[in-house]
């Protein structure tokens, strides 16, 4: 079994961060509804940090978005939202304040299966690019979401519902 590793070379890091500049230049609409710009707080610095993540599901009526941590629980953005769940997320050109909630292992497995059923080629290609040895069966995706030690946790981004909910330092129009 292979374990996904974050980019280690400066060139790979720059390529992985390039989509952030698309959002920063006001062209987030070009990313469509398949990607989300997540702004979160660094757990040690308290500074705003950003990551562009692939949307694996959600509920349009509720405005929720599901994203997966391809690098598992050691991903910096994932560790940050576990520490401070108040976030800002941008889907297309729409920015929202909200809360990040880590799904249970069972829910994560179900979300990954659903994503793989809707986008089988993309799911397999993405996970292989991240270094996983993918068996494209439903069971593989379910196990990967539910396996605590070697998992791909899924996070639900929920728009803030309460007027006046405070998100220090994170602003949205």
N, C-alpha and C. Protein backbone atom coordinates (compact mmCIF):
# COMPACT_ATOMS: atom_id res chain seq x y z
N UNK A 1 0.84 -1.17 0.00
CA UNK A 1 0.00 0.00 0.00
C UNK A 1 0.88 1.24 0.00
N UNK A 2 0.49 2.22 -0.75
CA UNK A 2 1.24 3.47 -0.84
C UNK A 2 0.52 4.53 -0.01
N UNK A 3 1.29 5.42 0.59
CA UNK A 3 0.71 6.49 1.37
C UNK A 3 0.92 7.80 0.63
N UNK A 4 -0.12 8.59 0.53
CA UNK A 4 -0.04 9.88 -0.14
C UNK A 4 0.86 10.81 0.66
N UNK A 5 1.67 11.56 -0.06
CA UNK A 5 2.58 12.52 0.57
C UNK A 5 2.34 13.90 -0.03
N UNK A 6 2.33 14.93 0.80
CA UNK A 6 2.21 16.29 0.28
C UNK A 6 3.40 16.60 -0.63
N UNK A 7 3.23 17.59 -1.52
CA UNK A 7 4.33 17.95 -2.41
C UNK A 7 5.54 18.44 -1.61
N UNK A 8 6.72 17.95 -1.99
CA UNK A 8 7.93 18.29 -1.23
C UNK A 8 8.87 19.22 -1.97
N UNK A 9 8.77 19.30 -3.28
CA UNK A 9 9.67 20.18 -4.01
C UNK A 9 9.01 21.55 -4.20
N UNK A 10 9.80 22.60 -4.32
CA UNK A 10 9.22 23.93 -4.53
C UNK A 10 8.32 24.00 -5.76
N UNK A 11 8.71 23.34 -6.84
CA UNK A 11 7.90 23.37 -8.06
C UNK A 11 6.54 22.70 -7.83
N UNK A 12 6.54 21.53 -7.20
CA UNK A 12 5.27 20.84 -6.94
C UNK A 12 4.39 21.65 -6.00
N UNK A 13 4.99 22.25 -4.98
CA UNK A 13 4.20 23.09 -4.06
C UNK A 13 3.58 24.26 -4.82
N UNK A 14 4.35 24.88 -5.70
CA UNK A 14 3.83 26.01 -6.48
C UNK A 14 2.68 25.57 -7.38
N UNK A 15 2.81 24.42 -8.01
CA UNK A 15 1.74 23.91 -8.87
C UNK A 15 0.48 23.61 -8.07
N UNK A 16 0.64 23.03 -6.89
CA UNK A 16 -0.51 22.72 -6.06
C UNK A 16 -1.20 23.99 -5.56
N UNK A 17 -0.45 25.07 -5.39
CA UNK A 17 -1.02 26.31 -4.88
C UNK A 17 -1.51 27.25 -5.99
N UNK A 18 -1.22 26.94 -7.24
CA UNK A 18 -1.61 27.81 -8.36
C UNK A 18 -3.10 28.14 -8.38
N UNK A 19 -4.00 27.20 -8.12
CA UNK A 19 -5.43 27.55 -8.16
C UNK A 19 -5.84 28.64 -7.18
N UNK A 20 -5.10 28.80 -6.09
CA UNK A 20 -5.42 29.86 -5.14
C UNK A 20 -5.35 31.22 -5.84
N UNK A 21 -4.38 31.38 -6.73
CA UNK A 21 -4.23 32.66 -7.44
C UNK A 21 -5.38 32.91 -8.40
N UNK A 22 -5.98 31.87 -8.91
CA UNK A 22 -7.17 32.05 -9.77
C UNK A 22 -8.28 32.71 -8.95
N UNK A 23 -8.49 32.22 -7.73
CA UNK A 23 -9.50 32.83 -6.86
C UNK A 23 -9.10 34.24 -6.45
N UNK A 24 -7.84 34.43 -6.10
CA UNK A 24 -7.38 35.75 -5.62
C UNK A 24 -7.50 36.82 -6.69
N UNK A 25 -7.42 36.44 -7.96
CA UNK A 25 -7.54 37.42 -9.04
C UNK A 25 -9.00 37.64 -9.45
N UNK A 26 -9.94 37.06 -8.69
CA UNK A 26 -11.36 37.27 -8.97
C UNK A 26 -11.92 36.35 -10.02
N UNK A 27 -11.18 35.31 -10.39
CA UNK A 27 -11.64 34.40 -11.44
C UNK A 27 -12.13 33.06 -10.88
N UNK A 28 -12.61 33.08 -9.64
CA UNK A 28 -13.10 31.85 -9.01
C UNK A 28 -14.20 31.18 -9.79
N UNK A 29 -14.97 31.96 -10.53
CA UNK A 29 -16.05 31.39 -11.34
C UNK A 29 -15.54 30.39 -12.36
N UNK A 30 -14.28 30.55 -12.80
CA UNK A 30 -13.70 29.61 -13.76
C UNK A 30 -13.52 28.22 -13.16
N UNK A 31 -13.43 28.14 -11.85
CA UNK A 31 -13.24 26.86 -11.18
C UNK A 31 -14.54 26.09 -11.05
N UNK A 32 -15.66 26.74 -11.35
CA UNK A 32 -16.95 26.06 -11.32
C UNK A 32 -17.32 25.61 -9.92
N UNK A 33 -18.11 24.53 -9.88
CA UNK A 33 -18.59 24.01 -8.60
C UNK A 33 -17.83 22.75 -8.20
N UNK A 34 -16.76 22.43 -8.92
CA UNK A 34 -15.97 21.24 -8.60
C UNK A 34 -14.85 21.53 -7.60
N UNK A 35 -14.57 22.81 -7.37
CA UNK A 35 -13.50 23.20 -6.46
C UNK A 35 -13.99 24.29 -5.51
N UNK A 36 -13.39 24.33 -4.34
CA UNK A 36 -13.74 25.33 -3.34
C UNK A 36 -12.44 25.90 -2.77
N UNK A 37 -12.43 27.22 -2.57
CA UNK A 37 -11.32 27.87 -1.89
C UNK A 37 -11.68 27.93 -0.41
N UNK A 38 -10.87 27.29 0.41
CA UNK A 38 -11.11 27.24 1.85
C UNK A 38 -10.11 28.16 2.55
N UNK A 39 -10.62 29.13 3.30
CA UNK A 39 -9.77 30.00 4.11
C UNK A 39 -10.00 29.60 5.56
N UNK A 40 -8.91 29.30 6.24
CA UNK A 40 -8.97 28.80 7.62
C UNK A 40 -7.85 29.44 8.42
N UNK A 41 -7.86 29.25 9.73
CA UNK A 41 -6.86 29.82 10.63
C UNK A 41 -5.77 28.80 10.93
N UNK A 42 -4.51 29.24 10.85
CA UNK A 42 -3.40 28.38 11.26
C UNK A 42 -3.50 28.09 12.75
N UNK A 43 -3.33 26.84 13.12
CA UNK A 43 -3.54 26.45 14.53
C UNK A 43 -2.46 26.98 15.46
N UNK A 44 -1.27 27.29 14.94
CA UNK A 44 -0.22 27.83 15.82
C UNK A 44 -0.02 29.32 15.61
N UNK A 45 -0.13 29.79 14.37
CA UNK A 45 0.10 31.21 14.10
C UNK A 45 -1.16 32.05 14.24
N UNK A 46 -2.32 31.45 14.01
CA UNK A 46 -3.56 32.21 14.02
C UNK A 46 -3.78 33.00 12.75
N UNK A 47 -2.85 32.89 11.79
CA UNK A 47 -2.97 33.63 10.54
C UNK A 47 -3.88 32.90 9.57
N UNK A 48 -4.50 33.67 8.66
CA UNK A 48 -5.37 33.08 7.64
C UNK A 48 -4.53 32.26 6.67
N UNK A 49 -5.01 31.08 6.36
CA UNK A 49 -4.36 30.17 5.41
C UNK A 49 -5.40 29.77 4.37
N UNK A 50 -4.95 29.35 3.19
CA UNK A 50 -5.88 28.97 2.13
C UNK A 50 -5.47 27.68 1.46
N UNK A 51 -6.49 26.96 0.98
CA UNK A 51 -6.28 25.74 0.21
C UNK A 51 -7.44 25.62 -0.78
N UNK A 52 -7.15 25.16 -1.99
CA UNK A 52 -8.19 24.85 -2.96
C UNK A 52 -8.38 23.34 -2.92
N UNK A 53 -9.63 22.93 -2.74
CA UNK A 53 -9.96 21.52 -2.57
C UNK A 53 -11.03 21.11 -3.57
N UNK A 54 -10.99 19.84 -3.97
CA UNK A 54 -12.03 19.34 -4.87
C UNK A 54 -13.29 19.05 -4.06
N UNK A 55 -14.42 19.47 -4.60
CA UNK A 55 -15.72 19.21 -3.98
C UNK A 55 -16.12 17.78 -4.33
N UNK A 56 -16.42 16.98 -3.31
CA UNK A 56 -16.83 15.59 -3.58
C UNK A 56 -18.32 15.38 -3.38
N UNK A 57 -19.01 16.40 -2.89
CA UNK A 57 -20.45 16.28 -2.68
C UNK A 57 -20.97 17.47 -1.93
N UNK A 58 -22.21 17.36 -1.50
CA UNK A 58 -22.82 18.43 -0.73
C UNK A 58 -24.31 18.48 -0.96
N UNK A 59 -24.92 19.53 -0.47
CA UNK A 59 -26.35 19.72 -0.57
C UNK A 59 -26.58 21.16 -1.03
N UNK A 60 -27.00 21.31 -2.28
CA UNK A 60 -27.21 22.65 -2.84
C UNK A 60 -28.24 23.45 -2.05
N UNK A 61 -29.32 22.78 -1.63
CA UNK A 61 -30.39 23.48 -0.91
C UNK A 61 -29.88 24.04 0.42
N UNK A 62 -29.07 23.27 1.12
CA UNK A 62 -28.54 23.71 2.41
C UNK A 62 -27.26 24.53 2.25
N UNK A 63 -26.67 24.49 1.06
CA UNK A 63 -25.42 25.22 0.82
C UNK A 63 -24.19 24.53 1.36
N UNK A 64 -24.32 23.26 1.75
CA UNK A 64 -23.17 22.55 2.30
C UNK A 64 -22.29 21.99 1.19
N UNK A 65 -21.03 21.83 1.51
CA UNK A 65 -20.03 21.31 0.57
C UNK A 65 -19.23 20.24 1.31
N UNK A 66 -18.95 19.12 0.62
CA UNK A 66 -18.10 18.07 1.19
C UNK A 66 -16.76 18.09 0.48
N UNK A 67 -15.69 18.05 1.26
CA UNK A 67 -14.33 17.98 0.72
C UNK A 67 -13.59 16.86 1.45
N UNK A 68 -12.63 16.26 0.76
CA UNK A 68 -11.86 15.16 1.35
C UNK A 68 -10.41 15.59 1.50
N UNK A 69 -9.78 15.08 2.54
CA UNK A 69 -8.37 15.35 2.77
C UNK A 69 -7.55 14.22 2.17
N UNK A 70 -7.10 14.41 0.94
CA UNK A 70 -6.35 13.37 0.24
C UNK A 70 -5.06 12.98 0.95
N UNK A 71 -4.50 13.88 1.74
CA UNK A 71 -3.29 13.57 2.49
C UNK A 71 -3.61 13.11 3.91
N UNK A 72 -4.86 12.74 4.13
CA UNK A 72 -5.25 12.20 5.42
C UNK A 72 -5.29 13.23 6.52
N UNK A 73 -5.19 12.76 7.73
CA UNK A 73 -5.31 13.62 8.91
C UNK A 73 -4.07 14.46 9.16
N UNK A 74 -3.00 14.23 8.42
CA UNK A 74 -1.79 15.03 8.62
C UNK A 74 -1.75 16.26 7.71
N UNK A 75 -2.73 16.41 6.84
CA UNK A 75 -2.81 17.59 5.99
C UNK A 75 -2.95 18.84 6.87
N UNK A 76 -2.21 19.88 6.52
CA UNK A 76 -2.22 21.10 7.35
C UNK A 76 -3.60 21.73 7.42
N UNK A 77 -4.30 21.85 6.28
CA UNK A 77 -5.62 22.48 6.33
C UNK A 77 -6.57 21.67 7.21
N UNK A 78 -6.46 20.34 7.14
CA UNK A 78 -7.33 19.48 7.94
C UNK A 78 -7.05 19.67 9.43
N UNK A 79 -5.79 19.67 9.79
CA UNK A 79 -5.41 19.86 11.20
C UNK A 79 -5.88 21.23 11.69
N UNK A 80 -5.79 22.23 10.81
CA UNK A 80 -6.22 23.58 11.20
C UNK A 80 -7.72 23.65 11.45
N UNK A 81 -8.54 23.04 10.58
CA UNK A 81 -9.99 23.14 10.78
C UNK A 81 -10.46 22.26 11.94
N UNK A 82 -9.69 21.23 12.27
CA UNK A 82 -10.02 20.47 13.48
C UNK A 82 -9.82 21.36 14.71
N UNK A 83 -8.78 22.16 14.68
CA UNK A 83 -8.46 23.05 15.81
C UNK A 83 -9.41 24.25 15.86
N UNK A 84 -9.68 24.85 14.71
CA UNK A 84 -10.56 26.03 14.62
C UNK A 84 -11.52 25.82 13.45
N UNK A 85 -12.75 25.38 13.72
CA UNK A 85 -13.68 25.02 12.65
C UNK A 85 -14.35 26.19 11.94
N UNK A 86 -14.19 27.41 12.45
CA UNK A 86 -14.80 28.55 11.75
C UNK A 86 -13.96 28.88 10.52
N UNK A 87 -14.62 28.90 9.36
CA UNK A 87 -13.92 29.06 8.09
C UNK A 87 -14.66 30.03 7.18
N UNK A 88 -14.01 30.35 6.09
CA UNK A 88 -14.61 31.06 4.97
C UNK A 88 -14.41 30.16 3.77
N UNK A 89 -15.46 29.93 2.98
CA UNK A 89 -15.26 29.11 1.79
C UNK A 89 -15.92 29.76 0.59
N UNK A 90 -15.27 29.60 -0.55
CA UNK A 90 -15.73 30.22 -1.79
C UNK A 90 -15.93 29.15 -2.84
N UNK A 91 -17.16 29.05 -3.31
CA UNK A 91 -17.52 28.14 -4.39
C UNK A 91 -17.89 29.00 -5.58
N UNK A 92 -17.13 28.90 -6.67
CA UNK A 92 -17.33 29.82 -7.78
C UNK A 92 -16.94 31.22 -7.33
N UNK A 93 -17.86 32.17 -7.51
CA UNK A 93 -17.59 33.54 -7.06
C UNK A 93 -18.30 33.88 -5.75
N UNK A 94 -18.95 32.90 -5.14
CA UNK A 94 -19.71 33.17 -3.91
C UNK A 94 -18.92 32.76 -2.67
N UNK A 95 -18.71 33.74 -1.78
CA UNK A 95 -18.00 33.49 -0.52
C UNK A 95 -19.00 33.37 0.62
N UNK A 96 -18.69 32.45 1.52
CA UNK A 96 -19.57 32.25 2.68
C UNK A 96 -18.74 32.00 3.93
N UNK A 97 -19.21 32.53 5.04
CA UNK A 97 -18.67 32.14 6.34
C UNK A 97 -19.33 30.82 6.69
N UNK A 98 -18.62 30.00 7.44
CA UNK A 98 -19.23 28.74 7.82
C UNK A 98 -18.42 27.99 8.85
N UNK A 99 -18.82 26.73 9.00
CA UNK A 99 -18.19 25.84 9.96
C UNK A 99 -17.77 24.56 9.26
N UNK A 100 -16.57 24.10 9.59
CA UNK A 100 -16.05 22.84 9.06
C UNK A 100 -16.28 21.75 10.11
N UNK A 101 -16.91 20.66 9.69
CA UNK A 101 -17.19 19.54 10.59
C UNK A 101 -16.62 18.27 9.98
N UNK A 102 -15.78 17.58 10.73
CA UNK A 102 -15.21 16.31 10.26
C UNK A 102 -16.28 15.24 10.39
N UNK A 103 -16.55 14.54 9.29
CA UNK A 103 -17.54 13.47 9.31
C UNK A 103 -16.99 12.25 10.03
N UNK A 104 -17.90 11.42 10.49
CA UNK A 104 -17.49 10.16 11.12
C UNK A 104 -16.84 9.28 10.06
N UNK A 105 -16.05 8.29 10.47
CA UNK A 105 -15.44 7.39 9.49
C UNK A 105 -16.47 6.73 8.57
N UNK A 106 -17.60 6.32 9.12
CA UNK A 106 -18.64 5.69 8.29
C UNK A 106 -19.19 6.68 7.27
N UNK A 107 -19.48 7.91 7.71
CA UNK A 107 -19.99 8.94 6.80
C UNK A 107 -18.95 9.28 5.74
N UNK A 108 -17.67 9.33 6.13
CA UNK A 108 -16.60 9.61 5.16
C UNK A 108 -16.56 8.53 4.10
N UNK A 109 -16.65 7.26 4.52
CA UNK A 109 -16.66 6.15 3.57
C UNK A 109 -17.82 6.25 2.60
N UNK A 110 -19.01 6.56 3.11
CA UNK A 110 -20.19 6.69 2.26
C UNK A 110 -20.03 7.85 1.27
N UNK A 111 -19.46 8.97 1.73
CA UNK A 111 -19.26 10.13 0.85
C UNK A 111 -18.27 9.80 -0.26
N UNK A 112 -17.20 9.07 0.06
CA UNK A 112 -16.22 8.70 -0.97
C UNK A 112 -16.82 7.74 -1.98
N UNK A 113 -17.64 6.80 -1.52
CA UNK A 113 -18.31 5.87 -2.44
C UNK A 113 -19.23 6.65 -3.38
N UNK A 114 -20.00 7.58 -2.83
CA UNK A 114 -20.91 8.39 -3.65
C UNK A 114 -20.14 9.19 -4.70
N UNK A 115 -19.02 9.79 -4.29
CA UNK A 115 -18.19 10.55 -5.23
C UNK A 115 -17.65 9.64 -6.34
N UNK A 116 -17.15 8.47 -5.96
CA UNK A 116 -16.59 7.54 -6.95
C UNK A 116 -17.65 7.04 -7.91
N UNK A 117 -18.89 6.90 -7.45
CA UNK A 117 -19.98 6.48 -8.34
C UNK A 117 -20.32 7.57 -9.35
N UNK A 118 -20.29 8.84 -8.92
CA UNK A 118 -20.62 9.95 -9.81
C UNK A 118 -19.47 10.31 -10.75
N UNK A 119 -18.23 10.16 -10.29
CA UNK A 119 -17.05 10.56 -11.06
C UNK A 119 -15.98 9.47 -10.98
N UNK A 120 -16.24 8.29 -11.53
CA UNK A 120 -15.30 7.17 -11.33
C UNK A 120 -13.89 7.44 -11.86
N UNK A 121 -13.78 7.96 -13.06
CA UNK A 121 -12.45 8.20 -13.64
C UNK A 121 -11.70 9.27 -12.85
N UNK A 122 -12.39 10.34 -12.49
CA UNK A 122 -11.75 11.42 -11.73
C UNK A 122 -11.31 10.94 -10.36
N UNK A 123 -12.14 10.15 -9.70
CA UNK A 123 -11.80 9.65 -8.36
C UNK A 123 -10.55 8.79 -8.40
N UNK A 124 -10.49 7.88 -9.34
CA UNK A 124 -9.33 6.98 -9.45
C UNK A 124 -8.09 7.78 -9.83
N UNK A 125 -8.20 8.66 -10.83
CA UNK A 125 -7.04 9.44 -11.29
C UNK A 125 -6.50 10.34 -10.17
N UNK A 126 -7.40 10.99 -9.45
CA UNK A 126 -6.96 11.89 -8.38
C UNK A 126 -6.23 11.12 -7.29
N UNK A 127 -6.79 10.01 -6.86
CA UNK A 127 -6.16 9.25 -5.77
C UNK A 127 -4.85 8.62 -6.21
N UNK A 128 -4.76 8.20 -7.45
CA UNK A 128 -3.47 7.68 -7.94
C UNK A 128 -2.44 8.79 -7.99
N UNK A 129 -2.86 9.99 -8.41
CA UNK A 129 -1.93 11.13 -8.45
C UNK A 129 -1.43 11.48 -7.04
N UNK A 130 -2.26 11.21 -6.04
CA UNK A 130 -1.86 11.47 -4.65
C UNK A 130 -1.01 10.35 -4.08
N UNK A 131 -0.82 9.28 -4.85
CA UNK A 131 0.06 8.21 -4.41
C UNK A 131 -0.62 6.96 -3.88
N UNK A 132 -1.94 6.91 -3.97
CA UNK A 132 -2.65 5.72 -3.49
C UNK A 132 -2.64 4.63 -4.56
N UNK A 133 -2.55 3.39 -4.12
CA UNK A 133 -2.74 2.24 -5.00
C UNK A 133 -4.23 1.95 -4.96
N UNK A 134 -4.93 2.35 -6.01
CA UNK A 134 -6.39 2.34 -6.00
C UNK A 134 -6.96 1.07 -6.61
N UNK A 135 -7.82 0.43 -5.84
CA UNK A 135 -8.69 -0.63 -6.35
C UNK A 135 -10.02 0.10 -6.53
N UNK A 136 -10.49 0.25 -7.75
CA UNK A 136 -11.64 1.13 -7.97
C UNK A 136 -12.98 0.50 -7.60
N UNK A 137 -12.98 -0.43 -6.68
CA UNK A 137 -14.23 -1.03 -6.21
C UNK A 137 -14.88 -0.13 -5.17
N UNK A 138 -16.18 -0.29 -5.01
CA UNK A 138 -16.92 0.46 -4.00
C UNK A 138 -16.35 0.20 -2.61
N UNK A 139 -15.97 -1.05 -2.37
CA UNK A 139 -15.43 -1.43 -1.06
C UNK A 139 -14.14 -0.68 -0.75
N UNK A 140 -13.29 -0.49 -1.77
CA UNK A 140 -12.03 0.21 -1.55
C UNK A 140 -12.30 1.63 -1.05
N UNK A 141 -13.20 2.34 -1.72
CA UNK A 141 -13.50 3.72 -1.33
C UNK A 141 -14.14 3.78 0.05
N UNK A 142 -15.02 2.83 0.34
CA UNK A 142 -15.67 2.80 1.65
C UNK A 142 -14.64 2.54 2.75
N UNK A 143 -13.74 1.59 2.52
CA UNK A 143 -12.69 1.29 3.51
C UNK A 143 -11.77 2.48 3.72
N UNK A 144 -11.40 3.14 2.62
CA UNK A 144 -10.47 4.26 2.71
C UNK A 144 -11.07 5.39 3.54
N UNK A 145 -12.35 5.62 3.41
CA UNK A 145 -12.98 6.66 4.22
C UNK A 145 -13.14 6.26 5.66
N UNK A 146 -13.32 4.97 5.91
CA UNK A 146 -13.64 4.49 7.26
C UNK A 146 -12.42 4.02 8.05
N UNK A 147 -11.27 3.87 7.41
CA UNK A 147 -10.08 3.36 8.08
C UNK A 147 -9.39 4.50 8.83
N UNK A 148 -9.48 4.47 10.15
CA UNK A 148 -8.94 5.56 10.97
C UNK A 148 -7.44 5.76 10.76
N UNK A 149 -6.69 4.69 10.64
CA UNK A 149 -5.23 4.80 10.56
C UNK A 149 -4.72 5.25 9.20
N UNK A 150 -5.41 4.93 8.14
CA UNK A 150 -4.94 5.26 6.78
C UNK A 150 -6.12 5.77 5.97
N UNK A 151 -6.78 6.75 6.51
CA UNK A 151 -8.03 7.17 5.90
C UNK A 151 -7.90 8.42 5.06
N UNK A 152 -9.00 8.70 4.38
CA UNK A 152 -9.20 9.96 3.68
C UNK A 152 -10.42 10.59 4.35
N UNK A 153 -10.21 11.39 5.38
CA UNK A 153 -11.35 11.97 6.08
C UNK A 153 -12.08 12.99 5.22
N UNK A 154 -13.37 13.08 5.45
CA UNK A 154 -14.22 14.02 4.71
C UNK A 154 -14.72 15.09 5.68
N UNK A 155 -14.74 16.32 5.19
CA UNK A 155 -15.16 17.47 6.00
C UNK A 155 -16.36 18.12 5.33
N UNK A 156 -17.37 18.43 6.14
CA UNK A 156 -18.55 19.16 5.64
C UNK A 156 -18.37 20.64 5.97
N UNK A 157 -18.51 21.49 4.95
CA UNK A 157 -18.48 22.94 5.13
C UNK A 157 -19.93 23.41 5.11
N UNK A 158 -20.36 23.98 6.22
CA UNK A 158 -21.75 24.42 6.37
C UNK A 158 -21.79 25.93 6.50
N UNK A 159 -22.58 26.61 5.66
CA UNK A 159 -22.66 28.07 5.76
C UNK A 159 -23.20 28.49 7.13
N UNK A 160 -22.72 29.61 7.60
CA UNK A 160 -23.19 30.16 8.87
C UNK A 160 -24.66 30.50 8.74
N UNK A 161 -25.45 30.07 9.71
CA UNK A 161 -26.87 30.34 9.65
C UNK A 161 -27.29 31.45 10.58
N UNK A 162 -26.57 31.61 11.66
CA UNK A 162 -26.95 32.61 12.66
C UNK A 162 -26.40 33.97 12.28
N UNK A 163 -27.29 34.94 12.23
CA UNK A 163 -26.84 36.31 11.95
C UNK A 163 -25.90 36.75 13.06
N UNK A 164 -24.84 37.38 12.69
CA UNK A 164 -23.90 37.88 13.68
C UNK A 164 -22.90 36.85 14.17
N UNK A 165 -22.92 35.65 13.60
CA UNK A 165 -21.92 34.65 14.00
C UNK A 165 -20.55 35.24 13.70
N UNK A 166 -19.65 35.17 14.66
CA UNK A 166 -18.38 35.88 14.55
C UNK A 166 -17.27 34.96 14.04
N UNK A 167 -16.59 35.40 13.00
CA UNK A 167 -15.45 34.69 12.43
C UNK A 167 -14.28 35.66 12.38
N UNK A 168 -13.50 35.75 13.44
CA UNK A 168 -12.46 36.78 13.52
C UNK A 168 -11.48 36.72 12.36
N UNK A 169 -11.29 37.87 11.74
CA UNK A 169 -10.28 38.00 10.70
C UNK A 169 -10.64 37.37 9.37
N UNK A 170 -11.76 36.71 9.29
CA UNK A 170 -12.18 36.13 8.02
C UNK A 170 -13.36 36.96 7.54
N UNK A 171 -13.22 37.56 6.38
CA UNK A 171 -14.29 38.44 5.92
C UNK A 171 -14.89 37.90 4.63
N UNK A 172 -16.15 38.12 4.49
CA UNK A 172 -16.86 37.75 3.26
C UNK A 172 -17.84 38.87 2.96
N UNK A 173 -18.07 39.11 1.67
CA UNK A 173 -19.01 40.18 1.33
C UNK A 173 -20.42 39.85 1.78
